[in-house]
Amino acid sequence: MSESRRVYLDNAATSWPKPDSVYDAVQRAMREVGAPAGRSSYRAAGEALRLVASARERAADLFGVGDARQIVFALNGTDALNIAIQGTLAAGDHVVTSSVEHNSVLRPLRYLQEQASVEVTRVACDRQGYVSAKAVKDALRPETRLVVISHASNVTGAIEPLDAIGELVRPHPALLLVDAAQTAGHVPCRLDELHADLLATSGHKGLLGPLGTGILALADGVESRVRPLRFGGTGTKSEEDRQPETLPERLETGNLNVPGLAGLAAGLQVVLERGVEAIGQQLGERTRQLCEGLQAIEGVTIHGPAATGARTAVVSFNVRGYDPQEVAMLLDSAYGIEVRSGLHCAPEIHRTLDTFPAGTVRMSLGIFNDEQDVELAIRAIAEISKAALPV
């Protein structure tokens, strides 16, 4: 089978294509505005500030944050997680996390283990990728200061029971940090419903914005418990040589990525207009089509929840007789299908799945993938698998 069209199935890494309004917003910010936000009073600078404020207000609306100043912009989702993790924990603290986590969580915690004697407890997930709320509760200690849990696995797509986890953590003084990089934009992520104190996400995946954008959302009163990691100019209180205590300047330093945030504002508007539930339903239909098609292929093993389970549009699998990287290369070179292979920066869950160290092939759907894309992917995997089966 030979196909000339490009089929992008790596939306868990970054969404593509973006809505036209996102491209237009970035172009306008670069070509017509071109000024920094919050640094001057001339007209273009005021427009730059309005673009940033628009992104902040739309993110606050999406995540159920009452005051838009509690939306802090970061370099990306990893940066947002670092602000929350390193800004919260100190020497001797204890943190609870899980084996589902991305290296954006695992590596900052490893650093703090080695450099600040922070103790880390990892709660194991099951073979679907789900984490038990009770196991999280049982791991809490008097010295626990932070619980960090991914809203959904970037390997199996399993959506964690964050509402149940949040309810059990709520009576404890520890803060709950949710990594929503795999759910924001297509799974409801309101802080109050998740009982979360902090929520970190990238802006370039389900929120449809450009790369180089991230968000840290804070619940009321949490800002005093998160130390700044960077210090410098904010455009406010310039007469003082101390970092401002108020949000967002307490945690935002230096010039913001105005073109990126203009694009993010446009992406957020698309999400808000379409509705998170409607987007999730659309992706769920395509995910069921993909899972059912792959399940029917001899030699293919899917890892993670059933197509109708609590899951996102991330489908990981292996093809008997092939290394995952070989499958990914064949899909790209022979079919024009772009997927991710390997460990997906989440090594611990692969140990649970017995897919370590080679990993899996991962297909992740976005709002612009249609039935034809999915059907092409299924046919391609069927052909690849058939070529490896004994005659």
Protein backbone atom coordinates (compact mmCIF):
# COMPACT_ATOMS: atom_id res chain seq x y z
CA MET A 1 0.00 0.00 0.00
CA SER A 2 1.44 3.36 -0.98
CA GLU A 3 0.04 6.64 0.32
CA SER A 4 1.21 10.18 -0.38
CA ARG A 5 -0.77 12.04 2.27
CA ARG A 6 0.86 12.93 5.59
CA VAL A 7 -0.95 11.35 8.54
CA TYR A 8 0.13 12.84 11.83
CA LEU A 9 -0.55 10.58 14.83
CA ASP A 10 1.78 12.06 17.44
CA ASN A 11 -0.58 14.51 19.12
CA ALA A 12 0.45 13.36 22.60
CA ALA A 13 3.82 14.99 21.84
CA THR A 14 2.37 18.12 20.27
CA SER A 15 -0.84 18.74 18.35
CA TRP A 16 -0.64 19.30 14.61
CA PRO A 17 -1.95 20.91 12.57
CA LYS A 18 -3.09 23.90 14.58
CA PRO A 19 -6.31 25.77 13.87
CA ASP A 20 -5.84 28.56 11.33
CA SER A 21 -6.68 31.10 14.02
CA VAL A 22 -3.58 30.02 15.96
CA TYR A 23 -1.28 30.60 12.99
CA ASP A 24 -2.94 33.94 12.31
CA ALA A 25 -2.58 35.06 15.94
CA VAL A 26 1.13 34.21 16.05
CA GLN A 27 1.75 36.00 12.75
CA ARG A 28 -0.15 39.09 13.89
CA ALA A 29 1.71 39.24 17.20
CA MET A 30 5.04 38.99 15.38
CA ARG A 31 4.35 41.25 12.41
CA GLU A 32 1.88 43.85 13.71
CA VAL A 33 2.38 44.02 17.48
CA GLY A 34 6.01 43.11 18.06
CA ALA A 35 6.21 44.74 21.50
CA PRO A 36 6.81 43.30 24.98
CA ALA A 37 3.91 42.87 27.38
CA GLY A 38 3.74 44.96 30.54
CA ARG A 39 6.91 46.95 29.90
CA SER A 40 5.70 50.17 28.28
CA SER A 41 2.61 52.32 27.78
CA TYR A 42 2.59 52.89 24.01
CA ARG A 43 -0.21 51.41 21.93
CA ALA A 44 1.55 48.27 20.68
CA ALA A 45 2.77 47.41 24.17
CA GLY A 46 -0.78 47.76 25.43
CA GLU A 47 -1.97 45.40 22.69
CA ALA A 48 0.71 42.88 23.68
CA LEU A 49 -0.54 43.04 27.26
CA ARG A 50 -4.10 42.48 26.08
CA LEU A 51 -3.02 39.38 24.12
CA VAL A 52 -1.41 37.92 27.23
CA ALA A 53 -4.41 38.84 29.38
CA SER A 54 -6.71 37.12 26.90
CA ALA A 55 -4.73 33.88 27.17
CA ARG A 56 -4.73 34.17 30.95
CA GLU A 57 -8.48 34.74 31.17
CA ARG A 58 -9.33 31.87 28.80
CA ALA A 59 -7.08 29.48 30.71
CA ALA A 60 -8.71 30.55 33.97
CA ASP A 61 -12.12 29.86 32.43
CA LEU A 62 -11.07 26.41 31.23
CA PHE A 63 -9.50 25.33 34.52
CA GLY A 64 -12.11 26.85 36.81
CA VAL A 65 -9.79 29.44 38.34
CA GLY A 66 -11.68 32.43 39.74
CA ASP A 67 -8.88 34.97 39.44
CA ALA A 68 -6.93 35.02 36.17
CA ARG A 69 -3.84 36.18 38.07
CA GLN A 70 -3.65 32.61 39.42
CA ILE A 71 -2.69 31.47 35.91
CA VAL A 72 1.10 31.53 35.61
CA PHE A 73 2.71 31.14 32.21
CA ALA A 74 5.76 28.94 31.84
CA LEU A 75 8.19 27.95 29.10
CA ASN A 76 6.36 24.63 28.61
CA GLY A 77 4.66 21.93 30.67
CA THR A 78 7.98 20.68 32.04
CA ASP A 79 8.86 24.16 33.24
CA ALA A 80 5.47 24.52 34.92
CA LEU A 81 6.02 21.23 36.75
CA ASN A 82 9.47 22.34 37.86
CA ILE A 83 8.09 25.59 39.24
CA ALA A 84 5.54 23.64 41.27
CA ILE A 85 7.81 20.79 42.38
CA GLN A 86 11.03 22.65 43.14
CA GLY A 87 9.15 25.67 44.45
CA THR A 88 7.22 23.57 46.96
CA LEU A 89 9.63 20.95 48.32
CA ALA A 90 12.51 21.50 50.74
CA ALA A 91 15.11 19.38 52.50
CA GLY A 92 13.58 16.58 54.53
CA ASP A 93 10.16 16.73 52.84
CA HIS A 94 8.34 13.68 51.55
CA VAL A 95 6.50 13.49 48.22
CA VAL A 96 4.12 10.88 46.83
CA THR A 97 4.01 10.22 43.11
CA SER A 98 3.35 7.26 40.81
CA SER A 99 4.99 4.92 38.33
CA VAL A 100 2.87 6.48 35.57
CA GLU A 101 4.80 9.73 35.61
CA HIS A 102 6.70 11.38 32.80
CA ASN A 103 10.37 12.30 33.23
CA SER A 104 9.14 15.88 33.67
CA VAL A 105 8.15 14.71 37.15
CA LEU A 106 10.61 11.86 37.74
CA ARG A 107 13.74 13.87 37.00
CA PRO A 108 13.03 16.92 39.19
CA LEU A 109 12.17 14.53 42.01
CA ARG A 110 15.37 12.54 41.47
CA TYR A 111 17.34 15.78 41.59
CA LEU A 112 15.71 16.75 44.88
CA GLN A 113 16.33 13.28 46.29
CA GLU A 114 20.03 13.59 45.57
CA GLN A 115 20.54 17.28 46.31
CA ALA A 116 18.06 18.05 49.09
CA SER A 117 17.36 14.69 50.76
CA VAL A 118 13.72 14.82 49.69
CA GLU A 119 12.15 11.37 50.10
CA VAL A 120 10.00 10.05 47.25
CA THR A 121 7.39 7.28 47.35
CA ARG A 122 6.24 5.94 43.98
CA VAL A 123 2.84 4.26 43.99
CA ALA A 124 2.72 1.49 41.40
CA CYS A 125 0.09 1.50 38.67
CA ASP A 126 -1.63 -1.63 37.38
CA ARG A 127 -1.09 -3.09 33.91
CA GLN A 128 -3.74 -0.81 32.45
CA GLY A 129 -1.89 2.23 33.76
CA TYR A 130 -4.33 3.07 36.57
CA VAL A 131 -3.22 4.27 40.01
CA SER A 132 -5.25 3.34 43.09
CA ALA A 133 -6.58 6.27 45.10
CA LYS A 134 -6.31 4.19 48.28
CA ALA A 135 -2.66 3.39 47.54
CA VAL A 136 -1.94 7.11 47.26
CA LYS A 137 -3.68 7.78 50.56
CA ASP A 138 -1.80 4.93 52.26
CA ALA A 139 1.52 6.43 51.10
CA LEU A 140 0.87 9.75 52.86
CA ARG A 141 2.97 10.61 55.93
CA PRO A 142 2.96 13.52 58.38
CA GLU A 143 5.96 14.97 56.52
CA THR A 144 4.39 14.61 53.07
CA ARG A 145 4.32 18.04 51.47
CA LEU A 146 3.33 17.22 47.88
CA VAL A 147 1.42 14.61 45.89
CA VAL A 148 2.18 14.64 42.14
CA ILE A 149 -0.05 12.59 39.84
CA SER A 150 -0.52 12.63 36.06
CA HIS A 151 -4.13 13.07 35.04
CA ALA A 152 -3.56 10.52 32.27
CA SER A 153 -0.75 8.27 31.12
CA ASN A 154 1.07 9.33 27.97
CA VAL A 155 1.76 5.62 27.31
CA THR A 156 -1.53 3.79 27.89
CA GLY A 157 -3.97 6.71 27.86
CA ALA A 158 -5.45 5.62 31.22
CA ILE A 159 -7.22 8.53 32.93
CA GLU A 160 -6.44 8.44 36.64
CA PRO A 161 -9.22 8.77 39.27
CA LEU A 162 -8.04 12.24 40.26
CA ASP A 163 -11.34 13.22 41.83
CA ALA A 164 -11.10 10.24 44.20
CA ILE A 165 -7.39 10.82 44.82
CA GLY A 166 -8.06 14.50 45.48
CA GLU A 167 -10.82 13.72 47.99
CA LEU A 168 -8.52 11.43 49.93
CA VAL A 169 -5.58 13.85 49.87
CA ARG A 170 -7.70 16.91 50.74
CA PRO A 171 -7.74 16.41 54.55
CA HIS A 172 -3.94 16.12 54.55
CA PRO A 173 -1.81 19.30 54.55
CA ALA A 174 0.06 18.11 51.43
CA LEU A 175 -0.58 19.95 48.18
CA LEU A 176 -1.95 18.01 45.20
CA LEU A 177 -0.21 18.77 41.89
CA VAL A 178 -1.87 17.44 38.74
CA ASP A 179 0.08 16.97 35.52
CA ALA A 180 -2.62 17.63 32.92
CA ALA A 181 -0.39 17.62 29.83
CA GLN A 182 -2.31 14.64 28.39
CA THR A 183 -5.82 15.78 29.28
CA ALA A 184 -6.11 19.57 29.08
CA GLY A 185 -8.39 20.48 26.19
CA HIS A 186 -10.24 17.17 25.83
CA VAL A 187 -10.88 15.94 29.40
CA PRO A 188 -12.45 18.24 32.05
CA CYS A 189 -9.63 19.66 34.20
CA ARG A 190 -11.24 22.04 36.69
CA LEU A 191 -9.23 22.46 39.87
CA ASP A 192 -12.27 22.28 42.14
CA GLU A 193 -13.55 19.05 40.58
CA LEU A 194 -10.12 17.43 40.84
CA HIS A 195 -9.61 18.81 44.37
CA ALA A 196 -6.24 20.02 43.06
CA ASP A 197 -4.08 22.77 44.49
CA LEU A 198 -1.82 23.05 41.44
CA LEU A 199 -2.28 22.04 37.82
CA ALA A 200 0.50 22.08 35.26
CA THR A 201 0.12 21.60 31.53
CA SER A 202 1.72 22.38 28.21
CA GLY A 203 0.02 24.82 25.88
CA HIS A 204 0.92 23.03 22.66
CA LYS A 205 -0.93 19.71 22.97
CA GLY A 206 -4.67 19.56 23.62
CA LEU A 207 -4.84 23.33 24.06
CA LEU A 208 -3.73 23.68 20.41
CA GLY A 209 -1.21 26.47 21.04
CA PRO A 210 2.38 26.79 19.80
CA LEU A 211 5.38 25.00 21.24
CA GLY A 212 7.16 26.93 23.98
CA THR A 213 4.04 27.64 26.03
CA GLY A 214 3.02 26.19 29.40
CA ILE A 215 0.61 26.89 32.23
CA LEU A 216 0.66 26.51 36.00
CA ALA A 217 -2.77 27.07 37.55
CA LEU A 218 -2.94 27.72 41.30
CA ALA A 219 -5.89 27.36 43.65
CA ASP A 220 -6.74 30.19 46.06
CA GLY A 221 -4.10 30.79 48.72
CA VAL A 222 -1.52 28.35 47.35
CA GLU A 223 0.89 30.98 46.02
CA SER A 224 2.52 31.53 49.41
CA ARG A 225 3.58 27.88 49.47
CA VAL A 226 5.36 28.00 46.09
CA ARG A 227 8.77 29.68 46.08
CA PRO A 228 9.94 31.45 42.92
CA LEU A 229 12.69 29.64 41.00
CA ARG A 230 13.74 32.63 38.90
CA PHE A 231 14.11 36.27 39.79
CA GLY A 232 14.27 39.39 37.67
CA GLY A 233 12.26 41.97 35.82
CA THR A 234 8.49 41.80 35.83
CA GLY A 235 7.55 45.31 34.70
CA THR A 236 6.00 45.92 38.14
CA LYS A 237 7.43 47.36 41.38
CA SER A 238 10.62 48.24 39.54
CA GLU A 239 11.76 50.39 42.46
CA GLU A 240 12.29 47.23 44.56
CA ASP A 241 15.05 44.65 44.21
CA ARG A 242 12.89 41.86 45.61
CA GLN A 243 10.62 39.65 43.55
CA PRO A 244 6.98 40.76 43.89
CA GLU A 245 4.86 38.63 46.21
CA THR A 246 1.69 38.90 44.14
CA LEU A 247 0.68 36.62 41.28
CA PRO A 248 1.48 36.14 38.51
CA GLU A 249 4.71 38.16 38.89
CA ARG A 250 5.82 36.09 41.89
CA LEU A 251 6.38 33.13 39.56
CA GLU A 252 6.75 34.85 36.15
CA THR A 253 10.02 36.59 35.38
CA GLY A 254 11.36 38.22 32.25
CA ASN A 255 9.67 38.93 28.96
CA LEU A 256 6.80 36.60 28.16
CA ASN A 257 6.48 34.75 24.86
CA VAL A 258 3.87 37.13 23.46
CA PRO A 259 3.56 35.46 20.00
CA GLY A 260 3.27 32.05 21.65
CA LEU A 261 0.69 33.25 24.15
CA ALA A 262 -1.28 34.98 21.40
CA GLY A 263 -1.42 31.63 19.62
CA LEU A 264 -2.33 29.90 22.87
CA ALA A 265 -5.19 32.35 23.41
CA ALA A 266 -6.50 31.44 19.96
CA GLY A 267 -6.15 27.71 20.68
CA LEU A 268 -7.94 28.08 24.01
CA GLN A 269 -10.76 29.91 22.28
CA VAL A 270 -11.23 26.97 19.89
CA VAL A 271 -11.35 24.57 22.84
CA LEU A 272 -13.83 26.73 24.74
CA GLU A 273 -16.08 27.19 21.70
CA ARG A 274 -16.12 23.51 20.73
CA GLY A 275 -16.38 22.37 24.33
CA VAL A 276 -14.09 19.97 26.15
CA GLU A 277 -16.77 17.26 26.36
CA ALA A 278 -17.52 17.47 22.62
CA ILE A 279 -13.83 17.26 21.75
CA GLY A 280 -13.44 14.29 24.10
CA GLN A 281 -16.40 12.54 22.47
CA GLN A 282 -14.94 13.08 18.99
CA LEU A 283 -11.57 11.70 20.05
CA GLY A 284 -13.26 8.81 21.84
CA GLU A 285 -15.00 7.71 18.64
CA ARG A 286 -11.74 7.71 16.68
CA THR A 287 -9.95 5.92 19.53
CA ARG A 288 -12.54 3.12 19.56
CA GLN A 289 -12.14 2.77 15.81
CA LEU A 290 -8.36 2.51 16.16
CA CYS A 291 -8.41 0.08 19.10
CA GLU A 292 -10.98 -2.21 17.50
CA GLY A 293 -9.06 -2.24 14.23
CA LEU A 294 -5.73 -3.02 15.87
CA GLN A 295 -7.26 -5.73 18.10
CA ALA A 296 -8.38 -7.61 15.00
CA ILE A 297 -4.82 -7.85 13.62
CA GLU A 298 -2.91 -11.04 14.36
CA GLY A 299 0.41 -10.34 16.07
CA VAL A 300 -0.60 -6.96 17.56
CA THR A 301 -0.70 -6.44 21.34
CA ILE A 302 -2.37 -3.29 22.69
CA HIS A 303 -1.28 -2.01 26.09
CA GLY A 304 -3.72 -0.13 28.29
CA PRO A 305 -7.46 0.20 28.91
CA ALA A 306 -10.19 -1.07 26.65
CA ALA A 307 -11.47 1.27 23.98
CA THR A 308 -14.53 2.08 26.09
CA GLY A 309 -12.61 2.58 29.36
CA ALA A 310 -11.51 5.78 31.07
CA ARG A 311 -8.85 6.70 28.57
CA THR A 312 -7.54 9.38 26.26
CA ALA A 313 -6.80 9.11 22.54
CA VAL A 314 -3.38 7.54 23.18
CA VAL A 315 -2.96 3.95 21.96
CA SER A 316 0.28 2.03 22.57
CA PHE A 317 0.96 -1.36 21.01
CA ASN A 318 3.61 -3.76 19.80
CA VAL A 319 3.81 -5.83 16.63
CA ARG A 320 5.22 -9.32 16.98
CA GLY A 321 8.52 -9.73 15.15
CA TYR A 322 9.38 -6.03 15.15
CA ASP A 323 11.16 -3.57 17.37
CA PRO A 324 8.91 -0.53 17.97
CA GLN A 325 11.40 1.72 16.19
CA GLU A 326 11.23 -0.50 13.10
CA VAL A 327 7.45 -0.18 13.01
CA ALA A 328 7.63 3.59 13.36
CA MET A 329 10.19 3.86 10.56
CA LEU A 330 8.12 1.65 8.25
CA LEU A 331 4.97 3.65 8.94
CA ASP A 332 6.77 6.89 8.09
CA SER A 333 8.73 5.72 5.05
CA ALA A 334 6.13 3.51 3.41
CA TYR A 335 2.83 5.06 4.48
CA GLY A 336 3.47 8.67 5.50
CA ILE A 337 2.18 7.92 9.02
CA GLU A 338 4.00 9.73 11.84
CA VAL A 339 3.99 8.05 15.25
CA ARG A 340 6.18 7.86 18.36
CA SER A 341 8.14 4.78 19.41
CA GLY A 342 10.23 3.92 22.46
CA LEU A 343 9.72 4.74 26.14
CA HIS A 344 7.92 8.08 25.64
CA CYS A 345 9.94 9.64 28.51
CA ALA A 346 7.99 7.47 30.99
CA PRO A 347 10.25 4.51 31.79
CA GLU A 348 8.58 3.28 34.98
CA ILE A 349 5.24 2.40 33.43
CA HIS A 350 7.05 0.39 30.74
CA ARG A 351 8.56 -1.73 33.49
CA THR A 352 5.03 -2.47 34.69
CA LEU A 353 3.90 -3.31 31.16
CA ASP A 354 6.98 -5.51 30.53
CA THR A 355 7.82 -3.35 27.52
CA PHE A 356 11.08 -2.02 28.96
CA PRO A 357 13.59 -1.20 27.47
CA ALA A 358 12.32 -1.25 23.86
CA GLY A 359 9.01 0.44 24.63
CA THR A 360 6.00 0.53 22.36
CA VAL A 361 4.61 2.10 19.22
CA ARG A 362 2.30 4.97 20.20
CA MET A 363 -0.45 6.46 18.06
CA SER A 364 -2.12 9.54 19.52
CA LEU A 365 -5.07 11.21 17.84
CA GLY A 366 -5.97 14.88 17.58
CA ILE A 367 -9.04 16.86 16.60
CA PHE A 368 -8.01 16.98 12.94
CA ASN A 369 -7.66 13.21 12.53
CA ASP A 370 -10.60 11.69 10.67
CA GLU A 371 -11.87 8.17 9.96
CA GLN A 372 -9.69 7.96 6.87
CA ASP A 373 -6.54 8.61 8.90
CA VAL A 374 -7.42 5.88 11.36
CA GLU A 375 -8.37 3.41 8.63
CA LEU A 376 -5.07 4.01 6.86
CA ALA A 377 -3.18 3.38 10.11
CA ILE A 378 -5.04 0.11 10.71
CA ARG A 379 -4.40 -1.12 7.17
CA ALA A 380 -0.73 -0.18 7.41
CA ILE A 381 -0.24 -2.09 10.67
CA ALA A 382 -2.10 -5.08 9.19
CA GLU A 383 0.31 -5.16 6.25
CA ILE A 384 3.38 -4.73 8.45
CA SER A 385 2.23 -7.46 10.82
CA LYS A 386 1.39 -9.85 8.00
CA ALA A 387 4.90 -9.49 6.59
CA ALA A 388 6.36 -10.76 9.90
CA LEU A 389 4.01 -13.74 10.34
CA PRO A 390 5.28 -17.22 9.47
CA VAL A 391 4.05 -18.55 6.14
